[in-house]
């Protein structure tokens, strides 16, 4: 007998967790197939199957940069083409819904956190870009402004022209990337005409307006 963790997302065993590493591969494949059938049956009996779905699960959407650079351009390209009403992502974050609303993508978001889905048709972007097709980050992100209401991108003279991006919270420890002593540094910026911006306090729409109006933007990577 072999015990291990069955991954319901990839529909396969995590072989590193198998207690018996000598378990015959042919037997493992048979067991794997039975579990796939059982899982699909369970999902169909407990949840209505989703029709066409777009899955962007390789990049974490809870990282703002990764979402803007890798996930959002994919959704912009795939959503209209496939007319999908379902988008599957790692987990739901407020700004994801806001961006989809701003861009006019009318789809239902589904999070993979602690759950699984049965999709009749699944579309997913290629995880690894071939060497002969280099990923052009600037070209990819240049798609985003063209889908945003142009009124949001017009400079507003009532908003600050010099901003510094600070943060209150961080899930990955990057809050430690700051200039110390922090209070003296921030006061120095303010005295030189900068406005300190905490993006997590703002809606996506307000963030777009502020960045579109700024002539000088500072931040710690």
Protein backbone atom coordinates (compact mmCIF):
# COMPACT_ATOMS: atom_id res chain seq x y z
CA UNK A 1 0.00 0.00 0.00
CA UNK A 2 1.24 3.49 -0.81
CA UNK A 3 0.06 6.71 0.75
CA UNK A 4 0.58 10.17 -0.63
CA UNK A 5 -0.97 13.52 -1.43
CA UNK A 6 -3.22 13.68 -4.46
CA UNK A 7 -3.18 17.15 -6.02
CA UNK A 8 -6.75 17.99 -7.10
CA UNK A 9 -5.55 20.94 -9.16
CA UNK A 10 -3.14 19.04 -11.41
CA UNK A 11 -5.03 15.75 -11.02
CA UNK A 12 -1.87 13.86 -10.13
CA UNK A 13 0.10 12.49 -7.22
CA UNK A 14 2.79 14.49 -5.53
CA UNK A 15 5.32 11.68 -5.80
CA UNK A 16 7.57 13.23 -3.15
CA UNK A 17 4.93 12.42 -0.54
CA UNK A 18 4.58 8.72 -1.38
CA UNK A 19 5.43 6.55 1.60
CA UNK A 20 6.42 3.65 -0.63
CA UNK A 21 8.73 4.97 -3.40
CA UNK A 22 8.91 1.49 -4.93
CA UNK A 23 5.20 1.47 -5.74
CA UNK A 24 4.95 0.23 -9.36
CA UNK A 25 4.49 3.12 -11.77
CA UNK A 26 1.88 1.16 -13.75
CA UNK A 27 -0.09 0.62 -10.55
CA UNK A 28 0.31 4.28 -9.66
CA UNK A 29 -1.06 5.28 -13.05
CA UNK A 30 -4.09 3.04 -12.58
CA UNK A 31 -4.73 4.48 -9.13
CA UNK A 32 -4.22 7.97 -10.51
CA UNK A 33 -6.81 7.35 -13.24
CA UNK A 34 -9.35 6.01 -10.75
CA UNK A 35 -8.89 9.07 -8.53
CA UNK A 36 -9.29 11.41 -11.50
CA UNK A 37 -12.57 9.70 -12.40
CA UNK A 38 -13.73 9.80 -8.77
CA UNK A 39 -12.80 13.45 -8.40
CA UNK A 40 -14.59 14.47 -11.58
CA UNK A 41 -17.63 12.54 -10.49
CA UNK A 42 -17.53 14.25 -7.08
CA UNK A 43 -17.19 17.69 -8.65
CA UNK A 44 -20.04 17.04 -11.07
CA UNK A 45 -22.30 15.81 -8.29
CA UNK A 46 -21.52 18.71 -5.97
CA UNK A 47 -20.93 21.58 -8.36
CA UNK A 48 -22.29 22.51 -11.73
CA UNK A 49 -19.48 22.20 -14.29
CA UNK A 50 -18.10 25.48 -15.58
CA UNK A 51 -18.21 26.03 -19.31
CA UNK A 52 -15.35 27.86 -20.99
CA UNK A 53 -12.75 28.95 -18.44
CA UNK A 54 -9.53 30.93 -18.61
CA UNK A 55 -6.97 29.87 -16.02
CA UNK A 56 -4.10 32.14 -14.99
CA UNK A 57 -2.59 30.22 -12.11
CA UNK A 58 1.17 30.23 -12.76
CA UNK A 59 1.74 33.78 -11.57
CA UNK A 60 0.58 34.94 -8.14
CA UNK A 61 -2.06 37.64 -8.50
CA UNK A 62 -1.45 38.76 -4.91
CA UNK A 63 1.76 40.36 -6.19
CA UNK A 64 0.75 43.62 -7.87
CA UNK A 65 3.69 43.63 -10.27
CA UNK A 66 3.20 40.02 -11.39
CA UNK A 67 -0.50 40.65 -11.86
CA UNK A 68 0.03 43.73 -14.03
CA UNK A 69 2.98 42.31 -15.97
CA UNK A 70 1.88 38.73 -16.60
CA UNK A 71 -1.75 38.07 -15.68
CA UNK A 72 -3.69 41.15 -16.78
CA UNK A 73 -2.26 41.25 -20.35
CA UNK A 74 -3.24 37.60 -20.74
CA UNK A 75 -6.80 38.30 -19.60
CA UNK A 76 -7.03 41.29 -21.94
CA UNK A 77 -5.96 39.09 -24.86
CA UNK A 78 -7.90 35.94 -24.06
CA UNK A 79 -11.17 37.16 -22.57
CA UNK A 80 -12.69 38.85 -25.65
CA UNK A 81 -11.37 36.17 -28.01
CA UNK A 82 -12.91 33.25 -26.15
CA UNK A 83 -15.90 35.06 -24.62
CA UNK A 84 -15.27 33.29 -21.36
CA UNK A 85 -17.54 34.05 -18.43
CA UNK A 86 -15.20 32.33 -15.97
CA UNK A 87 -11.67 33.24 -14.92
CA UNK A 88 -9.75 30.97 -12.54
CA UNK A 89 -6.88 32.53 -10.56
CA UNK A 90 -4.80 31.53 -7.55
CA UNK A 91 -6.80 33.66 -5.17
CA UNK A 92 -9.11 36.63 -5.33
CA UNK A 93 -7.69 40.05 -4.51
CA UNK A 94 -9.73 43.26 -4.53
CA UNK A 95 -7.70 45.00 -7.21
CA UNK A 96 -8.21 42.09 -9.63
CA UNK A 97 -11.98 42.66 -9.63
CA UNK A 98 -11.45 46.41 -9.92
CA UNK A 99 -9.21 46.06 -12.97
CA UNK A 100 -11.61 43.69 -14.71
CA UNK A 101 -14.44 46.16 -14.10
CA UNK A 102 -12.39 49.11 -15.39
CA UNK A 103 -11.36 47.15 -18.49
CA UNK A 104 -14.92 45.99 -19.17
CA UNK A 105 -14.15 42.28 -18.74
CA UNK A 106 -17.44 40.84 -17.56
CA UNK A 107 -16.35 37.51 -16.11
CA UNK A 108 -16.84 35.65 -12.85
CA UNK A 109 -13.68 35.19 -10.82
CA UNK A 110 -12.99 31.80 -9.24
CA UNK A 111 -10.25 31.27 -6.66
CA UNK A 112 -8.33 28.00 -6.43
CA UNK A 113 -7.69 28.50 -2.74
CA UNK A 114 -8.96 25.39 -0.91
CA UNK A 115 -11.22 24.29 -3.75
CA UNK A 116 -11.33 22.66 -7.19
CA UNK A 117 -13.39 23.11 -10.33
CA UNK A 118 -14.53 20.94 -13.19
CA UNK A 119 -14.28 22.83 -16.49
CA UNK A 120 -15.74 21.63 -19.76
CA UNK A 121 -13.27 23.75 -21.69
CA UNK A 122 -10.11 25.24 -20.22
CA UNK A 123 -7.83 27.82 -21.82
CA UNK A 124 -4.51 28.61 -20.20
CA UNK A 125 -1.53 30.64 -21.44
CA UNK A 126 1.77 28.95 -22.16
CA UNK A 127 3.79 28.83 -18.96
CA UNK A 128 7.23 28.97 -20.53
CA UNK A 129 7.98 31.28 -23.45
CA UNK A 130 10.14 29.63 -26.15
CA UNK A 131 13.57 31.17 -26.71
CA UNK A 132 12.58 32.19 -30.24
CA UNK A 133 9.60 34.13 -28.84
CA UNK A 134 11.09 36.43 -26.19
CA UNK A 135 8.61 37.93 -23.78
CA UNK A 136 8.42 41.69 -24.32
CA UNK A 137 7.37 43.10 -20.97
CA UNK A 138 6.99 46.69 -22.18
CA UNK A 139 4.90 45.64 -25.17
CA UNK A 140 2.74 43.43 -22.99
CA UNK A 141 2.04 46.10 -20.38
CA UNK A 142 1.48 48.73 -23.10
CA UNK A 143 -1.80 46.95 -23.82
CA UNK A 144 -3.31 48.02 -20.52
CA UNK A 145 -3.68 51.81 -21.02
CA UNK A 146 -5.41 51.33 -24.38
CA UNK A 147 -8.24 49.46 -22.63
CA UNK A 148 -8.67 52.02 -19.83
CA UNK A 149 -11.07 54.95 -20.02
CA UNK A 150 -8.85 57.72 -21.39
CA UNK A 151 -10.44 60.25 -19.04
CA UNK A 152 -8.69 58.45 -16.17
CA UNK A 153 -5.33 59.03 -17.86
CA UNK A 154 -5.68 62.79 -18.27
CA UNK A 155 -3.43 64.75 -15.86
CA UNK A 156 -5.35 66.46 -13.08
CA UNK A 157 -3.65 69.68 -11.90
CA UNK A 158 -5.29 69.30 -8.50
CA UNK A 159 -3.29 66.11 -7.84
CA UNK A 160 0.38 66.11 -6.73
CA UNK A 161 3.06 66.29 -9.41
CA UNK A 162 5.77 64.69 -7.22
CA UNK A 163 4.91 61.49 -5.33
CA UNK A 164 6.78 58.91 -3.31
CA UNK A 165 5.22 55.45 -2.92
CA UNK A 166 5.35 54.09 0.61
CA UNK A 167 3.63 51.05 2.08
CA UNK A 168 2.06 50.17 5.40
CA UNK A 169 1.89 46.39 5.01
CA UNK A 170 3.64 43.60 3.16
CA UNK A 171 3.06 39.85 2.89
CA UNK A 172 6.57 39.03 1.73
CA UNK A 173 8.79 41.14 3.97
CA UNK A 174 9.42 43.84 1.38
CA UNK A 175 8.22 46.42 3.90
CA UNK A 176 11.76 46.12 5.29
CA UNK A 177 13.08 47.71 2.08
CA UNK A 178 12.93 51.26 3.31
CA UNK A 179 15.27 54.15 3.96
CA UNK A 180 16.03 54.59 7.66
CA UNK A 181 15.46 56.53 9.77
CA UNK A 182 12.16 56.43 7.90
CA UNK A 183 10.42 59.39 9.55
CA UNK A 184 13.37 61.72 8.82
CA UNK A 185 13.54 60.48 5.23
CA UNK A 186 9.82 61.03 4.62
CA UNK A 187 9.98 64.52 6.17
CA UNK A 188 12.87 65.33 3.84
CA UNK A 189 10.76 64.29 0.86
CA UNK A 190 7.77 66.34 2.02
CA UNK A 191 10.01 69.38 2.53
CA UNK A 192 11.12 68.99 -1.08
CA UNK A 193 7.62 69.01 -2.49
CA UNK A 194 6.80 65.29 -2.50
CA UNK A 195 3.47 63.81 -1.44
CA UNK A 196 3.69 60.43 0.31
CA UNK A 197 1.27 57.95 -1.28
CA UNK A 198 0.09 54.72 0.33
CA UNK A 199 -1.30 52.85 -2.66
CA UNK A 200 -3.00 50.21 -0.53
CA UNK A 201 -5.28 52.95 0.83
CA UNK A 202 -6.49 53.86 -2.66
CA UNK A 203 -8.83 52.29 -5.17
CA UNK A 204 -7.38 51.26 -8.53
CA UNK A 205 -9.15 54.21 -10.17
CA UNK A 206 -7.55 56.66 -7.73
CA UNK A 207 -4.15 55.04 -8.23
CA UNK A 208 -4.44 55.47 -12.00
CA UNK A 209 -5.44 59.13 -11.65
CA UNK A 210 -2.57 59.92 -9.29
CA UNK A 211 0.11 58.18 -11.38
CA UNK A 212 -1.22 59.73 -14.60
CA UNK A 213 -0.88 63.19 -13.07
CA UNK A 214 2.56 62.76 -11.49
CA UNK A 215 5.66 64.13 -13.20
CA UNK A 216 8.11 62.64 -10.67
CA UNK A 217 7.56 59.22 -9.05
CA UNK A 218 9.86 57.77 -6.39
CA UNK A 219 9.80 54.41 -4.63
CA UNK A 220 12.02 51.73 -3.12
CA UNK A 221 12.10 48.53 -5.17
